[in-house]
Amino acid sequence: MTFEVHAQDAVHVFDCFACAIHRMAPLCEHCRVQIIGQGVEAEGHWYCGAHCARSEGRTGIVDRV
């Protein structure tokens, strides 16, 4: 069984969620880890958390516990 993911005017076909996550998850622009779950978007850039965002000079971003 397969399923489709429609994103940014493209259609991607997968046969498992793990493959979809590996292909579709954004990368942190500081540490390059795949962002699965919660991430931080600042000024059009994606980070895995506030620490990486601050390391790239983004301000006003805090992690929640």
PDB file of N, CA and C in Angstrom:
ATOM      1  N   MET A   1       0.842  -1.179   0.000  1.00  0.00           N
ATOM      2  CA  MET A   1       0.000   0.000   0.000  1.00  0.00           C
ATOM      3  C   MET A   1       0.885   1.240   0.000  1.00  0.00           C
ATOM      4  N   THR A   2       0.530   2.194  -0.809  1.00  0.00           N
ATOM      5  CA  THR A   2       1.279   3.444  -0.884  1.00  0.00           C
ATOM      6  C   THR A   2       0.369   4.607  -0.500  1.00  0.00           C
ATOM      7  N   PHE A   3       0.995   5.733  -0.255  1.00  0.00           N
ATOM      8  CA  PHE A   3       0.240   6.956   0.011  1.00  0.00           C
ATOM      9  C   PHE A   3       0.981   8.119  -0.623  1.00  0.00           C
ATOM     10  N   GLU A   4       0.253   9.200  -0.851  1.00  0.00           N
ATOM     11  CA  GLU A   4       0.818  10.389  -1.478  1.00  0.00           C
ATOM     12  C   GLU A   4       0.932  11.517  -0.467  1.00  0.00           C
ATOM     13  N   VAL A   5       1.993  12.308  -0.613  1.00  0.00           N
ATOM     14  CA  VAL A   5       2.151  13.549   0.137  1.00  0.00           C
ATOM     15  C   VAL A   5       2.228  14.665  -0.904  1.00  0.00           C
ATOM     16  N   HIS A   6       1.315  15.631  -0.791  1.00  0.00           N
ATOM     17  CA  HIS A   6       1.289  16.777  -1.699  1.00  0.00           C
ATOM     18  C   HIS A   6       1.923  17.959  -0.972  1.00  0.00           C
ATOM     19  N   ALA A   7       3.020  18.479  -1.513  1.00  0.00           N
ATOM     20  CA  ALA A   7       3.715  19.603  -0.888  1.00  0.00           C
ATOM     21  C   ALA A   7       4.406  20.445  -1.946  1.00  0.00           C
ATOM     22  N   GLN A   8       4.261  21.734  -1.850  1.00  0.00           N
ATOM     23  CA  GLN A   8       4.928  22.698  -2.726  1.00  0.00           C
ATOM     24  C   GLN A   8       4.743  22.334  -4.198  1.00  0.00           C
ATOM     25  N   ASP A   9       3.488  22.105  -4.580  1.00  0.00           N
ATOM     26  CA  ASP A   9       3.122  21.807  -5.967  1.00  0.00           C
ATOM     27  C   ASP A   9       3.757  20.533  -6.519  1.00  0.00           C
ATOM     28  N   ALA A  10       4.167  19.617  -5.643  1.00  0.00           N
ATOM     29  CA  ALA A  10       4.713  18.326  -6.070  1.00  0.00           C
ATOM     30  C   ALA A  10       3.978  17.212  -5.334  1.00  0.00           C
ATOM     31  N   VAL A  11       3.953  16.042  -5.949  1.00  0.00           N
ATOM     32  CA  VAL A  11       3.334  14.868  -5.336  1.00  0.00           C
ATOM     33  C   VAL A  11       4.432  13.830  -5.108  1.00  0.00           C
ATOM     34  N   HIS A  12       4.545  13.363  -3.871  1.00  0.00           N
ATOM     35  CA  HIS A  12       5.537  12.357  -3.509  1.00  0.00           C
ATOM     36  C   HIS A  12       4.784  11.088  -3.100  1.00  0.00           C
ATOM     37  N   VAL A  13       5.245   9.931  -3.574  1.00  0.00           N
ATOM     38  CA  VAL A  13       4.597   8.665  -3.267  1.00  0.00           C
ATOM     39  C   VAL A  13       5.533   7.839  -2.387  1.00  0.00           C
ATOM     40  N   PHE A  14       4.997   7.332  -1.277  1.00  0.00           N
ATOM     41  CA  PHE A  14       5.787   6.558  -0.321  1.00  0.00           C
ATOM     42  C   PHE A  14       5.041   5.279   0.036  1.00  0.00           C
ATOM     43  N   ASP A  15       5.797   4.306   0.541  1.00  0.00           N
ATOM     44  CA  ASP A  15       5.172   3.074   1.016  1.00  0.00           C
ATOM     45  C   ASP A  15       5.317   2.906   2.523  1.00  0.00           C
ATOM     46  N   CYS A  16       5.984   3.864   3.193  1.00  0.00           N
ATOM     47  CA  CYS A  16       6.063   3.817   4.654  1.00  0.00           C
ATOM     48  C   CYS A  16       6.304   5.229   5.189  1.00  0.00           C
ATOM     49  N   PHE A  17       5.881   5.441   6.438  1.00  0.00           N
ATOM     50  CA  PHE A  17       6.050   6.767   7.049  1.00  0.00           C
ATOM     51  C   PHE A  17       7.518   7.111   7.255  1.00  0.00           C
ATOM     52  N   ALA A  18       8.341   6.126   7.579  1.00  0.00           N
ATOM     53  CA  ALA A  18       9.769   6.397   7.806  1.00  0.00           C
ATOM     54  C   ALA A  18      10.418   6.982   6.558  1.00  0.00           C
ATOM     55  N   CYS A  19      10.090   6.445   5.392  1.00  0.00           N
ATOM     56  CA  CYS A  19      10.636   6.980   4.139  1.00  0.00           C
ATOM     57  C   CYS A  19      10.138   8.398   3.881  1.00  0.00           C
ATOM     58  N   ALA A  20       8.861   8.641   4.165  1.00  0.00           N
ATOM     59  CA  ALA A  20       8.295   9.975   3.976  1.00  0.00           C
ATOM     60  C   ALA A  20       8.983  10.986   4.887  1.00  0.00           C
ATOM     61  N   ILE A  21       9.179  10.610   6.144  1.00  0.00           N
ATOM     62  CA  ILE A  21       9.846  11.507   7.087  1.00  0.00           C
ATOM     63  C   ILE A  21      11.262  11.795   6.622  1.00  0.00           C
ATOM     64  N   HIS A  22      11.993  10.763   6.227  1.00  0.00           N
ATOM     65  CA  HIS A  22      13.379  10.945   5.793  1.00  0.00           C
ATOM     66  C   HIS A  22      13.463  11.894   4.593  1.00  0.00           C
ATOM     67  N   ARG A  23      12.522  11.772   3.674  1.00  0.00           N
ATOM     68  CA  ARG A  23      12.541  12.602   2.471  1.00  0.00           C
ATOM     69  C   ARG A  23      12.000  14.013   2.693  1.00  0.00           C
ATOM     70  N   MET A  24      10.989  14.158   3.559  1.00  0.00           N
ATOM     71  CA  MET A  24      10.265  15.417   3.651  1.00  0.00           C
ATOM     72  C   MET A  24      10.678  16.315   4.823  1.00  0.00           C
ATOM     73  N   ALA A  25      11.290  15.755   5.865  1.00  0.00           N
ATOM     74  CA  ALA A  25      11.611  16.558   7.047  1.00  0.00           C
ATOM     75  C   ALA A  25      12.670  17.601   6.703  1.00  0.00           C
ATOM     76  N   PRO A  26      12.461  18.845   7.137  1.00  0.00           N
ATOM     77  CA  PRO A  26      13.472  19.874   6.881  1.00  0.00           C
ATOM     78  C   PRO A  26      14.714  19.625   7.735  1.00  0.00           C
ATOM     79  N   LEU A  27      15.834  20.201   7.328  1.00  0.00           N
ATOM     80  CA  LEU A  27      17.075  20.105   8.093  1.00  0.00           C
ATOM     81  C   LEU A  27      17.309  21.395   8.863  1.00  0.00           C
ATOM     82  N   CYS A  28      17.813  21.263  10.088  1.00  0.00           N
ATOM     83  CA  CYS A  28      18.215  22.437  10.862  1.00  0.00           C
ATOM     84  C   CYS A  28      19.343  23.133  10.109  1.00  0.00           C
ATOM     85  N   GLU A  29      19.218  24.436   9.932  1.00  0.00           N
ATOM     86  CA  GLU A  29      20.212  25.176   9.161  1.00  0.00           C
ATOM     87  C   GLU A  29      21.482  25.449   9.954  1.00  0.00           C
ATOM     88  N   HIS A  30      21.499  25.051  11.232  1.00  0.00           N
ATOM     89  CA  HIS A  30      22.720  25.201  12.031  1.00  0.00           C
ATOM     90  C   HIS A  30      23.439  23.864  12.201  1.00  0.00           C
ATOM     91  N   CYS A  31      22.749  22.859  12.748  1.00  0.00           N
ATOM     92  CA  CYS A  31      23.404  21.580  13.070  1.00  0.00           C
ATOM     93  C   CYS A  31      23.104  20.478  12.061  1.00  0.00           C
ATOM     94  N   ARG A  32      22.205  20.738  11.101  1.00  0.00           N
ATOM     95  CA  ARG A  32      21.871  19.832  10.003  1.00  0.00           C
ATOM     96  C   ARG A  32      21.100  18.589  10.425  1.00  0.00           C
ATOM     97  N   VAL A  33      20.560  18.542  11.646  1.00  0.00           N
ATOM     98  CA  VAL A  33      19.733  17.413  12.071  1.00  0.00           C
ATOM     99  C   VAL A  33      18.368  17.519  11.394  1.00  0.00           C
ATOM    100  N   GLN A  34      17.732  16.382  11.113  1.00  0.00           N
ATOM    101  CA  GLN A  34      16.380  16.424  10.563  1.00  0.00           C
ATOM    102  C   GLN A  34      15.408  16.848  11.651  1.00  0.00           C
ATOM    103  N   ILE A  35      14.531  17.770  11.308  1.00  0.00           N
ATOM    104  CA  ILE A  35      13.552  18.283  12.260  1.00  0.00           C
ATOM    105  C   ILE A  35      12.292  17.434  12.138  1.00  0.00           C
ATOM    106  N   ILE A  36      12.074  16.601  13.144  1.00  0.00           N
ATOM    107  CA  ILE A  36      10.899  15.730  13.181  1.00  0.00           C
ATOM    108  C   ILE A  36      10.110  16.131  14.414  1.00  0.00           C
ATOM    109  N   GLY A  37       8.937  16.652  14.216  1.00  0.00           N
ATOM    110  CA  GLY A  37       8.135  17.158  15.332  1.00  0.00           C
ATOM    111  C   GLY A  37       8.223  18.666  15.378  1.00  0.00           C
ATOM    112  N   GLN A  38       8.568  19.200  16.518  1.00  0.00           N
ATOM    113  CA  GLN A  38       8.618  20.651  16.708  1.00  0.00           C
ATOM    114  C   GLN A  38       9.948  21.208  16.218  1.00  0.00           C
ATOM    115  N   GLY A  39       9.888  22.283  15.485  1.00  0.00           N
ATOM    116  CA  GLY A  39      11.068  23.012  15.049  1.00  0.00           C
ATOM    117  C   GLY A  39      10.815  24.491  15.256  1.00  0.00           C
ATOM    118  N   VAL A  40      11.781  25.303  14.883  1.00  0.00           N
ATOM    119  CA  VAL A  40      11.675  26.748  15.026  1.00  0.00           C
ATOM    120  C   VAL A  40      11.902  27.373  13.660  1.00  0.00           C
ATOM    121  N   GLU A  41      10.964  28.195  13.217  1.00  0.00           N
ATOM    122  CA  GLU A  41      11.126  28.930  11.965  1.00  0.00           C
ATOM    123  C   GLU A  41      11.369  30.388  12.317  1.00  0.00           C
ATOM    124  N   ALA A  42      12.442  30.961  11.763  1.00  0.00           N
ATOM    125  CA  ALA A  42      12.767  32.363  12.019  1.00  0.00           C
ATOM    126  C   ALA A  42      13.239  32.998  10.718  1.00  0.00           C
ATOM    127  N   GLU A  43      12.513  34.003  10.279  1.00  0.00           N
ATOM    128  CA  GLU A  43      12.880  34.756   9.083  1.00  0.00           C
ATOM    129  C   GLU A  43      13.087  33.842   7.875  1.00  0.00           C
ATOM    130  N   GLY A  44      12.233  32.825   7.752  1.00  0.00           N
ATOM    131  CA  GLY A  44      12.297  31.926   6.612  1.00  0.00           C
ATOM    132  C   GLY A  44      13.333  30.828   6.728  1.00  0.00           C
ATOM    133  N   HIS A  45      13.961  30.679   7.874  1.00  0.00           N
ATOM    134  CA  HIS A  45      14.973  29.650   8.101  1.00  0.00           C
ATOM    135  C   HIS A  45      14.478  28.690   9.181  1.00  0.00           C
ATOM    136  N   TRP A  46      14.833  27.393   9.051  1.00  0.00           N
ATOM    137  CA  TRP A  46      14.372  26.372   9.990  1.00  0.00           C
ATOM    138  C   TRP A  46      15.503  25.891  10.881  1.00  0.00           C
ATOM    139  N   TYR A  47      15.185  25.737  12.171  1.00  0.00           N
ATOM    140  CA  TYR A  47      16.144  25.265  13.162  1.00  0.00           C
ATOM    141  C   TYR A  47      15.475  24.203  14.032  1.00  0.00           C
ATOM    142  N   CYS A  48      16.276  23.313  14.622  1.00  0.00           N
ATOM    143  CA  CYS A  48      15.705  22.263  15.471  1.00  0.00           C
ATOM    144  C   CYS A  48      15.253  22.823  16.813  1.00  0.00           C
ATOM    145  N   GLY A  49      15.805  23.939  17.246  1.00  0.00           N
ATOM    146  CA  GLY A  49      15.409  24.550  18.507  1.00  0.00           C
ATOM    147  C   GLY A  49      15.969  25.953  18.636  1.00  0.00           C
ATOM    148  N   ALA A  50      15.627  26.584  19.752  1.00  0.00           N
ATOM    149  CA  ALA A  50      16.035  27.975  19.974  1.00  0.00           C
ATOM    150  C   ALA A  50      17.551  28.122  20.043  1.00  0.00           C
ATOM    151  N   HIS A  51      18.241  27.136  20.625  1.00  0.00           N
ATOM    152  CA  HIS A  51      19.700  27.231  20.742  1.00  0.00           C
ATOM    153  C   HIS A  51      20.355  27.378  19.373  1.00  0.00           C
ATOM    154  N   CYS A  52      19.951  26.544  18.419  1.00  0.00           N
ATOM    155  CA  CYS A  52      20.521  26.636  17.073  1.00  0.00           C
ATOM    156  C   CYS A  52      20.129  27.941  16.393  1.00  0.00           C
ATOM    157  N   ALA A  53      18.899  28.393  16.598  1.00  0.00           N
ATOM    158  CA  ALA A  53      18.466  29.659  16.008  1.00  0.00           C
ATOM    159  C   ALA A  53      19.309  30.812  16.548  1.00  0.00           C
ATOM    160  N   ARG A  54      19.523  30.835  17.867  1.00  0.00           N
ATOM    161  CA  ARG A  54      20.357  31.893  18.459  1.00  0.00           C
ATOM    162  C   ARG A  54      21.799  31.800  17.973  1.00  0.00           C
ATOM    163  N   SER A  55      22.299  30.582  17.774  1.00  0.00           N
ATOM    164  CA  SER A  55      23.669  30.399  17.275  1.00  0.00           C
ATOM    165  C   SER A  55      23.843  30.978  15.877  1.00  0.00           C
ATOM    166  N   GLU A  56      22.746  31.084  15.141  1.00  0.00           N
ATOM    167  CA  GLU A  56      22.774  31.662  13.796  1.00  0.00           C
ATOM    168  C   GLU A  56      22.395  33.146  13.801  1.00  0.00           C
ATOM    169  N   GLY A  57      22.312  33.743  14.995  1.00  0.00           N
ATOM    170  CA  GLY A  57      22.055  35.176  15.101  1.00  0.00           C
ATOM    171  C   GLY A  57      20.600  35.582  15.191  1.00  0.00           C
ATOM    172  N   ARG A  58      19.686  34.623  15.261  1.00  0.00           N
ATOM    173  CA  ARG A  58      18.267  34.954  15.395  1.00  0.00           C
ATOM    174  C   ARG A  58      17.999  35.348  16.841  1.00  0.00           C
ATOM    175  N   THR A  59      17.157  36.334  17.057  1.00  0.00           N
ATOM    176  CA  THR A  59      16.877  36.808  18.418  1.00  0.00           C
ATOM    177  C   THR A  59      15.403  36.653  18.750  1.00  0.00           C
ATOM    178  N   GLY A  60      15.113  36.671  20.038  1.00  0.00           N
ATOM    179  CA  GLY A  60      13.736  36.628  20.508  1.00  0.00           C
ATOM    180  C   GLY A  60      13.104  35.246  20.456  1.00  0.00           C
ATOM    181  N   ILE A  61      13.893  34.205  20.338  1.00  0.00           N
ATOM    182  CA  ILE A  61      13.367  32.844  20.244  1.00  0.00           C
ATOM    183  C   ILE A  61      13.753  32.099  21.511  1.00  0.00           C
ATOM    184  N   VAL A  62      12.758  31.469  22.159  1.00  0.00           N
ATOM    185  CA  VAL A  62      13.026  30.693  23.369  1.00  0.00           C
ATOM    186  C   VAL A  62      12.364  29.320  23.246  1.00  0.00           C
ATOM    187  N   ASP A  63      12.998  28.323  23.872  1.00  0.00           N
ATOM    188  CA  ASP A  63      12.398  26.992  23.944  1.00  0.00           C
ATOM    189  C   ASP A  63      11.389  26.978  25.067  1.00  0.00           C
ATOM    190  N   ARG A  64      10.352  26.178  24.903  1.00  0.00           N
ATOM    191  CA  ARG A  64       9.354  25.979  25.967  1.00  0.00           C
ATOM    192  C   ARG A  64       9.561  24.607  26.572  1.00  0.00           C
ATOM    193  N   VAL A  65       9.391  24.511  27.891  1.00  0.00           N
ATOM    194  CA  VAL A  65       9.556  23.236  28.581  1.00  0.00           C
ATOM    195  C   VAL A  65       8.194  22.720  28.968  1.00  0.00           C
TER     196      VAL A  65
END
